[in-house]
Amino acid sequence: MTLRARDLTVGRGGLPVLARLSFTVEAGRALILRGANGTGKTTLLRTLAGLQAPMAGEIAPGRDAVAYAGHADGMKAQLTVAENLAFWAGLHGLRGIDAALDAFALRPLEDRLAQHLSAGQRRRLGLARMLVTGRPVWCLDEPTVSLDAANTARFAAMVEGHLAEGGIAILATHIDLGLAGDTLDMGPWRATALDAGAPA
């Protein structure tokens, strides 16, 4: 599988943030998004994941190939850790949550309600969810926030395993995780007044 974005313009609130952006990510590779806050990293990830439509351009494959992990963990507070993972696995037609539990050492927590988890534990659960989606493309927005060093290493190992199986990962992160891939600086693709339709 290859992810392709061609002449992509993405925006917030009807205004373009990034314009005329094109890139390709091959199977087994990561793309690290760099840029200051507000440069469009989250907007790009949400667009790639199909959570919002692009203002212009094309993305392939479509949203059914993409799993997204953002600042909200997507967990149901009244379900346990294991029940949350089982719910997501069932939603994607998969069975078995053992790999997800093991990836972030969640077995001691599997019977704990999500609402009783710490911020770091919730983040671990939210990231472990990626393993039960069966999606080849992972879009990850600041995934290591609230993770300590040990769990940051677990996360890097999880992504490395995904890439080794031919998956693709697109991450907005300021941490060097040692992943095989390229870096994309958002700066040169910032939209201008002309992109927003302002008079020249």
N, C-alpha and C. Protein backbone atom coordinates (compact mmCIF):
# COMPACT_ATOMS: atom_id res chain seq x y z
N MET A 1 0.83 -1.20 0.00
CA MET A 1 0.00 0.00 0.00
C MET A 1 0.87 1.25 0.00
N THR A 2 0.41 2.27 -0.68
CA THR A 2 1.06 3.57 -0.71
C THR A 2 0.03 4.64 -0.39
N LEU A 3 0.39 5.58 0.47
CA LEU A 3 -0.47 6.72 0.75
C LEU A 3 -0.01 7.89 -0.11
N ARG A 4 -0.95 8.51 -0.81
CA ARG A 4 -0.62 9.64 -1.68
C ARG A 4 -1.54 10.82 -1.39
N ALA A 5 -0.94 11.98 -1.26
CA ALA A 5 -1.69 13.23 -1.18
C ALA A 5 -1.23 14.09 -2.35
N ARG A 6 -2.18 14.64 -3.10
CA ARG A 6 -1.84 15.40 -4.29
C ARG A 6 -2.54 16.75 -4.27
N ASP A 7 -1.73 17.83 -4.36
CA ASP A 7 -2.25 19.20 -4.42
C ASP A 7 -3.29 19.45 -3.32
N LEU A 8 -2.95 19.05 -2.12
CA LEU A 8 -3.90 19.06 -1.01
C LEU A 8 -3.95 20.43 -0.34
N THR A 9 -5.15 20.93 -0.13
CA THR A 9 -5.37 22.12 0.68
C THR A 9 -6.30 21.73 1.81
N VAL A 10 -5.91 22.02 3.05
CA VAL A 10 -6.72 21.70 4.21
C VAL A 10 -6.91 22.95 5.04
N GLY A 11 -8.02 23.01 5.78
CA GLY A 11 -8.30 24.23 6.52
C GLY A 11 -9.08 24.00 7.79
N ARG A 12 -9.25 25.09 8.54
CA ARG A 12 -10.06 25.12 9.75
C ARG A 12 -11.03 26.28 9.65
N GLY A 13 -12.27 26.03 10.01
CA GLY A 13 -13.26 27.11 10.00
C GLY A 13 -13.46 27.74 8.65
N GLY A 14 -13.28 26.97 7.59
CA GLY A 14 -13.48 27.48 6.25
C GLY A 14 -12.30 28.25 5.68
N LEU A 15 -11.21 28.36 6.44
CA LEU A 15 -10.02 29.06 5.97
C LEU A 15 -8.88 28.08 5.77
N PRO A 16 -8.18 28.16 4.64
CA PRO A 16 -7.08 27.23 4.40
C PRO A 16 -5.92 27.45 5.37
N VAL A 17 -5.32 26.34 5.81
CA VAL A 17 -4.17 26.37 6.70
C VAL A 17 -2.91 25.92 5.96
N LEU A 18 -3.06 24.85 5.18
CA LEU A 18 -1.98 24.34 4.34
C LEU A 18 -2.50 24.27 2.91
N ALA A 19 -1.64 24.59 1.93
CA ALA A 19 -2.10 24.64 0.55
C ALA A 19 -1.10 23.99 -0.40
N ARG A 20 -1.66 23.31 -1.42
CA ARG A 20 -0.88 22.74 -2.53
C ARG A 20 0.19 21.77 -2.04
N LEU A 21 -0.16 20.97 -1.07
CA LEU A 21 0.76 20.01 -0.46
C LEU A 21 0.63 18.66 -1.14
N SER A 22 1.76 18.10 -1.57
CA SER A 22 1.79 16.76 -2.17
C SER A 22 2.89 15.94 -1.50
N PHE A 23 2.57 14.68 -1.22
CA PHE A 23 3.59 13.77 -0.68
C PHE A 23 3.13 12.33 -0.88
N THR A 24 4.09 11.43 -0.76
CA THR A 24 3.84 9.99 -0.88
C THR A 24 4.52 9.28 0.28
N VAL A 25 3.83 8.32 0.87
CA VAL A 25 4.42 7.49 1.93
C VAL A 25 4.25 6.04 1.52
N GLU A 26 5.36 5.35 1.38
CA GLU A 26 5.33 3.95 0.96
C GLU A 26 5.09 3.03 2.16
N ALA A 27 4.65 1.82 1.87
CA ALA A 27 4.44 0.81 2.91
C ALA A 27 5.73 0.59 3.69
N GLY A 28 5.59 0.46 4.99
CA GLY A 28 6.74 0.23 5.84
C GLY A 28 7.49 1.48 6.25
N ARG A 29 6.91 2.65 5.95
CA ARG A 29 7.60 3.91 6.25
C ARG A 29 6.72 4.81 7.13
N ALA A 30 7.41 5.70 7.84
CA ALA A 30 6.72 6.71 8.64
C ALA A 30 6.96 8.08 8.04
N LEU A 31 6.03 8.99 8.28
CA LEU A 31 6.19 10.39 7.91
C LEU A 31 6.00 11.21 9.18
N ILE A 32 7.03 11.94 9.57
CA ILE A 32 6.99 12.74 10.78
C ILE A 32 6.68 14.19 10.40
N LEU A 33 5.59 14.72 10.95
CA LEU A 33 5.19 16.11 10.67
C LEU A 33 5.84 17.03 11.70
N ARG A 34 6.48 18.08 11.21
CA ARG A 34 7.15 19.04 12.08
C ARG A 34 6.57 20.43 11.85
N GLY A 35 6.63 21.24 12.88
CA GLY A 35 6.16 22.62 12.76
C GLY A 35 5.68 23.14 14.09
N ALA A 36 5.67 24.45 14.23
CA ALA A 36 5.21 25.06 15.47
C ALA A 36 3.72 24.84 15.64
N ASN A 37 3.23 25.10 16.85
CA ASN A 37 1.79 25.00 17.11
C ASN A 37 1.03 25.93 16.16
N GLY A 38 -0.06 25.40 15.61
CA GLY A 38 -0.88 26.20 14.72
C GLY A 38 -0.49 26.13 13.26
N THR A 39 0.51 25.31 12.93
CA THR A 39 0.96 25.25 11.53
C THR A 39 0.14 24.26 10.70
N GLY A 40 -0.76 23.52 11.32
CA GLY A 40 -1.66 22.68 10.53
C GLY A 40 -1.43 21.19 10.66
N LYS A 41 -0.61 20.75 11.59
CA LYS A 41 -0.33 19.31 11.72
C LYS A 41 -1.60 18.53 12.05
N THR A 42 -2.33 18.99 13.07
CA THR A 42 -3.56 18.30 13.46
C THR A 42 -4.59 18.35 12.35
N THR A 43 -4.72 19.48 11.70
CA THR A 43 -5.68 19.61 10.60
C THR A 43 -5.35 18.65 9.48
N LEU A 44 -4.08 18.52 9.15
CA LEU A 44 -3.68 17.58 8.10
C LEU A 44 -4.00 16.14 8.51
N LEU A 45 -3.67 15.77 9.74
CA LEU A 45 -3.94 14.40 10.19
C LEU A 45 -5.43 14.10 10.17
N ARG A 46 -6.25 15.03 10.63
CA ARG A 46 -7.69 14.82 10.65
C ARG A 46 -8.24 14.70 9.22
N THR A 47 -7.66 15.43 8.30
CA THR A 47 -8.09 15.34 6.90
C THR A 47 -7.69 14.00 6.30
N LEU A 48 -6.47 13.56 6.56
CA LEU A 48 -6.02 12.26 6.06
C LEU A 48 -6.89 11.13 6.60
N ALA A 49 -7.34 11.30 7.85
CA ALA A 49 -8.16 10.27 8.48
C ALA A 49 -9.62 10.32 8.07
N GLY A 50 -10.00 11.31 7.27
CA GLY A 50 -11.37 11.41 6.81
C GLY A 50 -12.31 12.04 7.82
N LEU A 51 -11.78 12.67 8.87
CA LEU A 51 -12.61 13.32 9.87
C LEU A 51 -13.10 14.69 9.39
N GLN A 52 -12.45 15.22 8.39
CA GLN A 52 -12.92 16.43 7.72
C GLN A 52 -12.49 16.35 6.26
N ALA A 53 -13.24 17.00 5.41
CA ALA A 53 -12.95 16.93 3.98
C ALA A 53 -11.85 17.91 3.60
N PRO A 54 -11.01 17.55 2.63
CA PRO A 54 -10.03 18.52 2.13
C PRO A 54 -10.74 19.65 1.39
N MET A 55 -10.14 20.82 1.40
CA MET A 55 -10.70 21.95 0.65
C MET A 55 -10.39 21.81 -0.83
N ALA A 56 -9.31 21.12 -1.14
CA ALA A 56 -8.93 20.83 -2.52
C ALA A 56 -7.94 19.68 -2.50
N GLY A 57 -7.79 19.03 -3.64
CA GLY A 57 -6.81 17.97 -3.77
C GLY A 57 -7.38 16.58 -3.54
N GLU A 58 -6.50 15.60 -3.58
CA GLU A 58 -6.89 14.19 -3.51
C GLU A 58 -6.04 13.45 -2.50
N ILE A 59 -6.67 12.46 -1.84
CA ILE A 59 -5.98 11.58 -0.90
C ILE A 59 -6.35 10.15 -1.26
N ALA A 60 -5.36 9.28 -1.33
CA ALA A 60 -5.61 7.86 -1.56
C ALA A 60 -4.61 7.04 -0.72
N PRO A 61 -5.07 5.98 -0.08
CA PRO A 61 -6.44 5.47 -0.07
C PRO A 61 -7.36 6.31 0.78
N GLY A 62 -8.63 5.92 0.83
CA GLY A 62 -9.63 6.68 1.57
C GLY A 62 -9.63 6.39 3.06
N ARG A 63 -10.62 6.95 3.73
CA ARG A 63 -10.69 6.90 5.19
C ARG A 63 -10.79 5.49 5.75
N ASP A 64 -11.31 4.54 4.97
CA ASP A 64 -11.46 3.17 5.49
C ASP A 64 -10.12 2.48 5.72
N ALA A 65 -9.05 3.06 5.22
CA ALA A 65 -7.72 2.48 5.43
C ALA A 65 -6.99 3.12 6.61
N VAL A 66 -7.61 4.13 7.23
CA VAL A 66 -6.89 4.95 8.20
C VAL A 66 -7.47 4.83 9.61
N ALA A 67 -6.60 4.70 10.60
CA ALA A 67 -6.97 4.79 12.01
C ALA A 67 -6.33 6.04 12.59
N TYR A 68 -7.07 6.75 13.43
CA TYR A 68 -6.61 8.04 13.96
C TYR A 68 -6.56 8.01 15.48
N ALA A 69 -5.49 8.52 16.04
CA ALA A 69 -5.38 8.70 17.49
C ALA A 69 -5.00 10.15 17.74
N GLY A 70 -5.93 10.90 18.33
CA GLY A 70 -5.69 12.31 18.59
C GLY A 70 -5.63 12.59 20.08
N HIS A 71 -5.95 13.83 20.45
CA HIS A 71 -5.85 14.23 21.85
C HIS A 71 -6.96 13.60 22.69
N ALA A 72 -8.12 13.36 22.13
CA ALA A 72 -9.18 12.63 22.83
C ALA A 72 -8.92 11.14 22.67
N ASP A 73 -9.09 10.38 23.74
CA ASP A 73 -8.70 8.96 23.68
C ASP A 73 -9.74 8.05 23.06
N GLY A 74 -10.97 8.53 22.90
CA GLY A 74 -11.99 7.72 22.24
C GLY A 74 -12.50 6.55 23.06
N MET A 75 -12.25 6.56 24.38
CA MET A 75 -12.66 5.46 25.22
C MET A 75 -14.00 5.73 25.89
N LYS A 76 -14.71 4.66 26.20
CA LYS A 76 -15.98 4.75 26.91
C LYS A 76 -15.72 4.61 28.40
N ALA A 77 -16.06 5.65 29.15
CA ALA A 77 -15.69 5.74 30.57
C ALA A 77 -16.25 4.60 31.41
N GLN A 78 -17.45 4.11 31.06
CA GLN A 78 -18.11 3.09 31.89
C GLN A 78 -17.71 1.67 31.52
N LEU A 79 -16.81 1.52 30.56
CA LEU A 79 -16.30 0.19 30.20
C LEU A 79 -14.90 0.01 30.77
N THR A 80 -14.53 -1.23 31.01
CA THR A 80 -13.18 -1.53 31.48
C THR A 80 -12.19 -1.40 30.33
N VAL A 81 -10.93 -1.48 30.66
CA VAL A 81 -9.88 -1.46 29.65
C VAL A 81 -10.11 -2.56 28.62
N ALA A 82 -10.33 -3.80 29.11
CA ALA A 82 -10.54 -4.92 28.20
C ALA A 82 -11.81 -4.74 27.38
N GLU A 83 -12.87 -4.25 28.00
CA GLU A 83 -14.14 -4.06 27.28
C GLU A 83 -14.00 -2.99 26.21
N ASN A 84 -13.26 -1.94 26.50
CA ASN A 84 -13.03 -0.91 25.48
C ASN A 84 -12.31 -1.50 24.27
N LEU A 85 -11.25 -2.24 24.50
CA LEU A 85 -10.51 -2.82 23.39
C LEU A 85 -11.37 -3.83 22.62
N ALA A 86 -12.16 -4.62 23.35
CA ALA A 86 -13.04 -5.59 22.68
C ALA A 86 -14.09 -4.87 21.84
N PHE A 87 -14.60 -3.74 22.35
CA PHE A 87 -15.57 -2.97 21.58
C PHE A 87 -14.97 -2.51 20.26
N TRP A 88 -13.77 -1.93 20.30
CA TRP A 88 -13.14 -1.44 19.08
C TRP A 88 -12.76 -2.57 18.14
N ALA A 89 -12.31 -3.69 18.71
CA ALA A 89 -12.00 -4.84 17.86
C ALA A 89 -13.25 -5.33 17.14
N GLY A 90 -14.35 -5.43 17.87
CA GLY A 90 -15.60 -5.87 17.26
C GLY A 90 -16.10 -4.90 16.21
N LEU A 91 -15.91 -3.60 16.47
CA LEU A 91 -16.35 -2.59 15.52
C LEU A 91 -15.64 -2.75 14.18
N HIS A 92 -14.40 -3.19 14.22
CA HIS A 92 -13.61 -3.35 13.00
C HIS A 92 -13.60 -4.79 12.50
N GLY A 93 -14.44 -5.64 13.09
CA GLY A 93 -14.56 -7.01 12.62
C GLY A 93 -13.40 -7.90 13.00
N LEU A 94 -12.68 -7.53 14.04
CA LEU A 94 -11.54 -8.32 14.47
C LEU A 94 -11.85 -9.04 15.77
N ARG A 95 -11.01 -10.01 16.09
CA ARG A 95 -11.15 -10.73 17.35
C ARG A 95 -9.80 -10.74 18.04
N GLY A 96 -9.85 -10.77 19.35
CA GLY A 96 -8.61 -10.88 20.12
C GLY A 96 -8.01 -9.53 20.45
N ILE A 97 -7.74 -9.33 21.73
CA ILE A 97 -7.15 -8.07 22.20
C ILE A 97 -5.82 -8.30 22.92
N ASP A 98 -5.33 -9.52 22.89
CA ASP A 98 -4.12 -9.85 23.65
C ASP A 98 -2.93 -8.99 23.24
N ALA A 99 -2.72 -8.82 21.95
CA ALA A 99 -1.56 -8.04 21.48
C ALA A 99 -1.67 -6.59 21.96
N ALA A 100 -2.89 -6.05 21.96
CA ALA A 100 -3.09 -4.68 22.41
C ALA A 100 -2.84 -4.54 23.90
N LEU A 101 -3.29 -5.51 24.68
CA LEU A 101 -3.04 -5.48 26.13
C LEU A 101 -1.55 -5.56 26.43
N ASP A 102 -0.86 -6.41 25.68
CA ASP A 102 0.57 -6.62 25.94
C ASP A 102 1.43 -5.45 25.46
N ALA A 103 1.00 -4.77 24.41
CA ALA A 103 1.82 -3.71 23.81
C ALA A 103 2.15 -2.61 24.81
N PHE A 104 1.20 -2.30 25.69
CA PHE A 104 1.40 -1.23 26.68
C PHE A 104 1.26 -1.73 28.12
N ALA A 105 1.54 -3.02 28.33
CA ALA A 105 1.50 -3.60 29.68
C ALA A 105 0.19 -3.26 30.40
N LEU A 106 -0.93 -3.50 29.70
CA LEU A 106 -2.24 -3.15 30.24
C LEU A 106 -2.94 -4.29 30.97
N ARG A 107 -2.35 -5.47 30.99
CA ARG A 107 -3.03 -6.59 31.64
C ARG A 107 -3.37 -6.33 33.11
N PRO A 108 -2.49 -5.69 33.89
CA PRO A 108 -2.86 -5.40 35.28
C PRO A 108 -4.05 -4.45 35.40
N LEU A 109 -4.38 -3.76 34.32
CA LEU A 109 -5.46 -2.78 34.33
C LEU A 109 -6.69 -3.24 33.57
N GLU A 110 -6.70 -4.44 33.04
CA GLU A 110 -7.74 -4.82 32.08
C GLU A 110 -9.15 -4.80 32.69
N ASP A 111 -9.29 -4.95 34.01
CA ASP A 111 -10.61 -4.93 34.63
C ASP A 111 -10.96 -3.58 35.25
N ARG A 112 -10.10 -2.56 35.04
CA ARG A 112 -10.35 -1.24 35.61
C ARG A 112 -11.20 -0.41 34.64
N LEU A 113 -12.17 0.32 35.18
CA LEU A 113 -12.98 1.19 34.35
C LEU A 113 -12.12 2.31 33.76
N ALA A 114 -12.39 2.65 32.53
CA ALA A 114 -11.59 3.69 31.86
C ALA A 114 -11.65 5.01 32.62
N GLN A 115 -12.77 5.31 33.27
CA GLN A 115 -12.90 6.57 33.99
C GLN A 115 -11.98 6.66 35.21
N HIS A 116 -11.44 5.53 35.63
CA HIS A 116 -10.55 5.51 36.79
C HIS A 116 -9.08 5.43 36.40
N LEU A 117 -8.77 5.59 35.13
CA LEU A 117 -7.39 5.56 34.68
C LEU A 117 -6.75 6.94 34.81
N SER A 118 -5.44 6.95 35.01
CA SER A 118 -4.69 8.21 34.99
C SER A 118 -4.56 8.69 33.55
N ALA A 119 -4.06 9.91 33.38
CA ALA A 119 -3.89 10.45 32.03
C ALA A 119 -2.95 9.56 31.20
N GLY A 120 -1.87 9.12 31.81
CA GLY A 120 -0.93 8.25 31.10
C GLY A 120 -1.53 6.90 30.75
N GLN A 121 -2.32 6.35 31.67
CA GLN A 121 -2.97 5.07 31.40
C GLN A 121 -4.01 5.20 30.30
N ARG A 122 -4.75 6.31 30.31
CA ARG A 122 -5.72 6.53 29.23
C ARG A 122 -5.01 6.65 27.88
N ARG A 123 -3.89 7.34 27.86
CA ARG A 123 -3.15 7.47 26.61
C ARG A 123 -2.66 6.10 26.13
N ARG A 124 -2.17 5.28 27.04
CA ARG A 124 -1.73 3.93 26.67
C ARG A 124 -2.88 3.13 26.07
N LEU A 125 -4.05 3.22 26.69
CA LEU A 125 -5.22 2.51 26.17
C LEU A 125 -5.63 3.04 24.81
N GLY A 126 -5.62 4.37 24.65
CA GLY A 126 -6.00 4.95 23.37
C GLY A 126 -5.06 4.53 22.25
N LEU A 127 -3.78 4.43 22.55
CA LEU A 127 -2.81 4.02 21.53
C LEU A 127 -2.89 2.51 21.27
N ALA A 128 -3.13 1.73 22.31
CA ALA A 128 -3.28 0.28 22.13
C ALA A 128 -4.45 -0.03 21.20
N ARG A 129 -5.46 0.86 21.21
CA ARG A 129 -6.62 0.69 20.33
C ARG A 129 -6.22 0.59 18.86
N MET A 130 -5.11 1.23 18.48
CA MET A 130 -4.69 1.18 17.08
C MET A 130 -4.46 -0.25 16.62
N LEU A 131 -4.03 -1.11 17.54
CA LEU A 131 -3.71 -2.49 17.17
C LEU A 131 -4.94 -3.33 16.87
N VAL A 132 -6.11 -2.88 17.30
CA VAL A 132 -7.33 -3.68 17.05
C VAL A 132 -8.19 -3.08 15.94
N THR A 133 -7.66 -2.09 15.23
CA THR A 133 -8.42 -1.51 14.12
C THR A 133 -8.21 -2.27 12.81
N GLY A 134 -7.06 -2.92 12.67
CA GLY A 134 -6.77 -3.59 11.42
C GLY A 134 -6.51 -2.65 10.26
N ARG A 135 -6.33 -1.36 10.55
CA ARG A 135 -6.12 -0.37 9.48
C ARG A 135 -4.63 -0.26 9.14
N PRO A 136 -4.29 -0.18 7.85
CA PRO A 136 -2.87 -0.12 7.47
C PRO A 136 -2.21 1.24 7.69
N VAL A 137 -3.00 2.32 7.74
CA VAL A 137 -2.44 3.66 7.89
C VAL A 137 -2.83 4.20 9.27
N TRP A 138 -1.82 4.58 10.05
CA TRP A 138 -2.05 5.17 11.36
C TRP A 138 -1.71 6.65 11.32
N CYS A 139 -2.64 7.50 11.73
CA CYS A 139 -2.40 8.92 11.89
C CYS A 139 -2.39 9.23 13.38
N LEU A 140 -1.29 9.76 13.88
CA LEU A 140 -1.07 9.89 15.31
C LEU A 140 -0.69 11.32 15.65
N ASP A 141 -1.50 11.97 16.48
CA ASP A 141 -1.30 13.38 16.82
C ASP A 141 -0.70 13.50 18.22
N GLU A 142 0.57 13.89 18.30
CA GLU A 142 1.31 14.02 19.56
C GLU A 142 1.06 12.79 20.44
N PRO A 143 1.40 11.60 19.94
CA PRO A 143 1.03 10.36 20.64
C PRO A 143 1.74 10.13 21.96
N THR A 144 2.89 10.76 22.17
CA THR A 144 3.65 10.47 23.39
C THR A 144 3.31 11.41 24.55
N VAL A 145 2.37 12.33 24.36
CA VAL A 145 1.94 13.20 25.46
C VAL A 145 1.41 12.32 26.60
N SER A 146 1.83 12.58 27.82
CA SER A 146 1.43 11.86 29.04
C SER A 146 2.10 10.50 29.19
N LEU A 147 3.00 10.13 28.27
CA LEU A 147 3.71 8.87 28.40
C LEU A 147 5.06 9.08 29.05
N ASP A 148 5.44 8.18 29.97
CA ASP A 148 6.78 8.22 30.53
C ASP A 148 7.75 7.56 29.56
N ALA A 149 9.02 7.52 29.95
CA ALA A 149 10.05 7.01 29.03
C ALA A 149 9.80 5.56 28.65
N ALA A 150 9.40 4.73 29.62
CA ALA A 150 9.18 3.31 29.34
C ALA A 150 8.05 3.11 28.34
N ASN A 151 6.96 3.88 28.50
CA ASN A 151 5.84 3.71 27.59
C ASN A 151 6.05 4.40 26.26
N THR A 152 6.89 5.43 26.23
CA THR A 152 7.30 6.00 24.94
C THR A 152 8.07 4.95 24.15
N ALA A 153 8.92 4.19 24.82
CA ALA A 153 9.65 3.11 24.15
C ALA A 153 8.70 2.02 23.67
N ARG A 154 7.69 1.71 24.49
CA ARG A 154 6.69 0.72 24.06
C ARG A 154 5.94 1.21 22.82
N PHE A 155 5.61 2.50 22.82
CA PHE A 155 4.92 3.05 21.66
C PHE A 155 5.79 2.95 20.41
N ALA A 156 7.06 3.34 20.52
CA ALA A 156 7.97 3.25 19.36
C ALA A 156 8.05 1.82 18.86
N ALA A 157 8.11 0.86 19.77
CA ALA A 157 8.17 -0.55 19.37
C ALA A 157 6.88 -0.98 18.66
N MET A 158 5.74 -0.48 19.14
CA MET A 158 4.46 -0.80 18.50
C MET A 158 4.43 -0.27 17.07
N VAL A 159 4.87 0.97 16.88
CA VAL A 159 4.88 1.54 15.53
C VAL A 159 5.88 0.82 14.65
N GLU A 160 7.05 0.49 15.19
CA GLU A 160 8.03 -0.26 14.42
C GLU A 160 7.47 -1.60 13.95
N GLY A 161 6.71 -2.27 14.83
CA GLY A 161 6.08 -3.52 14.43
C GLY A 161 5.06 -3.32 13.33
N HIS A 162 4.30 -2.24 13.41
CA HIS A 162 3.32 -1.91 12.37
C HIS A 162 4.01 -1.67 11.03
N LEU A 163 5.11 -0.93 11.04
CA LEU A 163 5.85 -0.66 9.81
C LEU A 163 6.45 -1.94 9.25
N ALA A 164 6.96 -2.79 10.14
CA ALA A 164 7.58 -4.05 9.70
C ALA A 164 6.58 -4.95 8.99
N GLU A 165 5.31 -4.79 9.31
CA GLU A 165 4.25 -5.58 8.66
C GLU A 165 3.70 -4.90 7.42
N GLY A 166 4.36 -3.82 6.98
CA GLY A 166 3.93 -3.12 5.77
C GLY A 166 2.96 -1.99 6.01
N GLY A 167 2.79 -1.60 7.26
CA GLY A 167 1.91 -0.49 7.58
C GLY A 167 2.57 0.85 7.32
N ILE A 168 1.79 1.90 7.50
CA ILE A 168 2.24 3.28 7.32
C ILE A 168 1.87 4.05 8.58
N ALA A 169 2.75 4.93 9.04
CA ALA A 169 2.45 5.78 10.19
C ALA A 169 2.77 7.23 9.85
N ILE A 170 1.83 8.12 10.15
CA ILE A 170 2.04 9.56 9.99
C ILE A 170 1.86 10.18 11.36
N LEU A 171 2.91 10.82 11.85
CA LEU A 171 2.92 11.29 13.23
C LEU A 171 3.26 12.77 13.32
N ALA A 172 2.55 13.48 14.17
CA ALA A 172 2.96 14.81 14.58
C ALA A 172 3.61 14.66 15.94
N THR A 173 4.92 14.81 16.00
CA THR A 173 5.64 14.63 17.25
C THR A 173 6.95 15.41 17.20
N HIS A 174 7.38 15.86 18.37
CA HIS A 174 8.67 16.56 18.48
C HIS A 174 9.75 15.63 19.01
N ILE A 175 9.40 14.37 19.26
CA ILE A 175 10.33 13.40 19.82
C ILE A 175 10.89 12.53 18.71
N ASP A 176 12.19 12.30 18.73
CA ASP A 176 12.83 11.39 17.78
C ASP A 176 12.60 9.97 18.26
N LEU A 177 11.75 9.25 17.56
CA LEU A 177 11.41 7.88 17.93
C LEU A 177 12.25 6.85 17.19
N GLY A 178 13.14 7.31 16.32
CA GLY A 178 14.02 6.39 15.59
C GLY A 178 13.31 5.55 14.56
N LEU A 179 12.21 6.06 14.00
CA LEU A 179 11.43 5.29 13.04
C LEU A 179 11.98 5.47 11.63
N ALA A 180 11.81 4.44 10.81
CA ALA A 180 12.23 4.51 9.42
C ALA A 180 11.25 5.37 8.64
N GLY A 181 11.74 6.49 8.14
CA GLY A 181 10.83 7.35 7.39
C GLY A 181 11.43 8.70 7.11
N ASP A 182 10.56 9.64 6.77
CA ASP A 182 10.96 10.98 6.37
C ASP A 182 10.29 12.02 7.25
N THR A 183 10.78 13.26 7.15
CA THR A 183 10.22 14.38 7.90
C THR A 183 9.60 15.37 6.93
N LEU A 184 8.43 15.89 7.28
CA LEU A 184 7.75 16.89 6.47
C LEU A 184 7.55 18.14 7.31
N ASP A 185 8.22 19.22 6.92
CA ASP A 185 8.09 20.51 7.60
C ASP A 185 6.87 21.24 7.07
N MET A 186 5.97 21.63 7.96
CA MET A 186 4.75 22.29 7.55
C MET A 186 4.97 23.72 7.03
N GLY A 187 6.06 24.34 7.44
CA GLY A 187 6.29 25.75 7.13
C GLY A 187 6.12 26.14 5.68
N PRO A 188 6.77 25.47 4.74
CA PRO A 188 6.67 25.88 3.33
C PRO A 188 5.27 25.73 2.72
N TRP A 189 4.39 25.03 3.41
CA TRP A 189 3.06 24.75 2.85
C TRP A 189 1.96 25.56 3.51
N ARG A 190 2.35 26.53 4.36
CA ARG A 190 1.35 27.37 4.99
C ARG A 190 0.57 28.15 3.94
N ALA A 191 -0.73 28.21 4.13
CA ALA A 191 -1.58 28.93 3.19
C ALA A 191 -1.34 30.43 3.29
N THR A 192 -1.53 31.13 2.19
CA THR A 192 -1.36 32.58 2.14
C THR A 192 -2.71 33.26 1.98
N ALA A 193 -2.70 34.58 1.97
CA ALA A 193 -3.93 35.34 1.77
C ALA A 193 -4.56 35.01 0.42
N LEU A 194 -3.74 34.73 -0.59
CA LEU A 194 -4.27 34.38 -1.90
C LEU A 194 -5.02 33.07 -1.85
N ASP A 195 -4.50 32.10 -1.05
CA ASP A 195 -5.19 30.82 -0.91
C ASP A 195 -6.54 31.00 -0.24
N ALA A 196 -6.63 31.99 0.64
CA ALA A 196 -7.88 32.26 1.35
C ALA A 196 -8.86 33.08 0.52
N GLY A 197 -8.45 33.48 -0.70
CA GLY A 197 -9.34 34.22 -1.58
C GLY A 197 -9.32 35.72 -1.36
N ALA A 198 -8.32 36.21 -0.62
CA ALA A 198 -8.23 37.66 -0.38
C ALA A 198 -7.76 38.35 -1.65
N PRO A 199 -8.10 39.61 -1.83
CA PRO A 199 -7.61 40.35 -3.00
C PRO A 199 -6.08 40.42 -2.99
N ALA A 200 -5.50 40.36 -4.16
CA ALA A 200 -4.03 40.43 -4.26
C ALA A 200 -3.55 41.82 -3.90
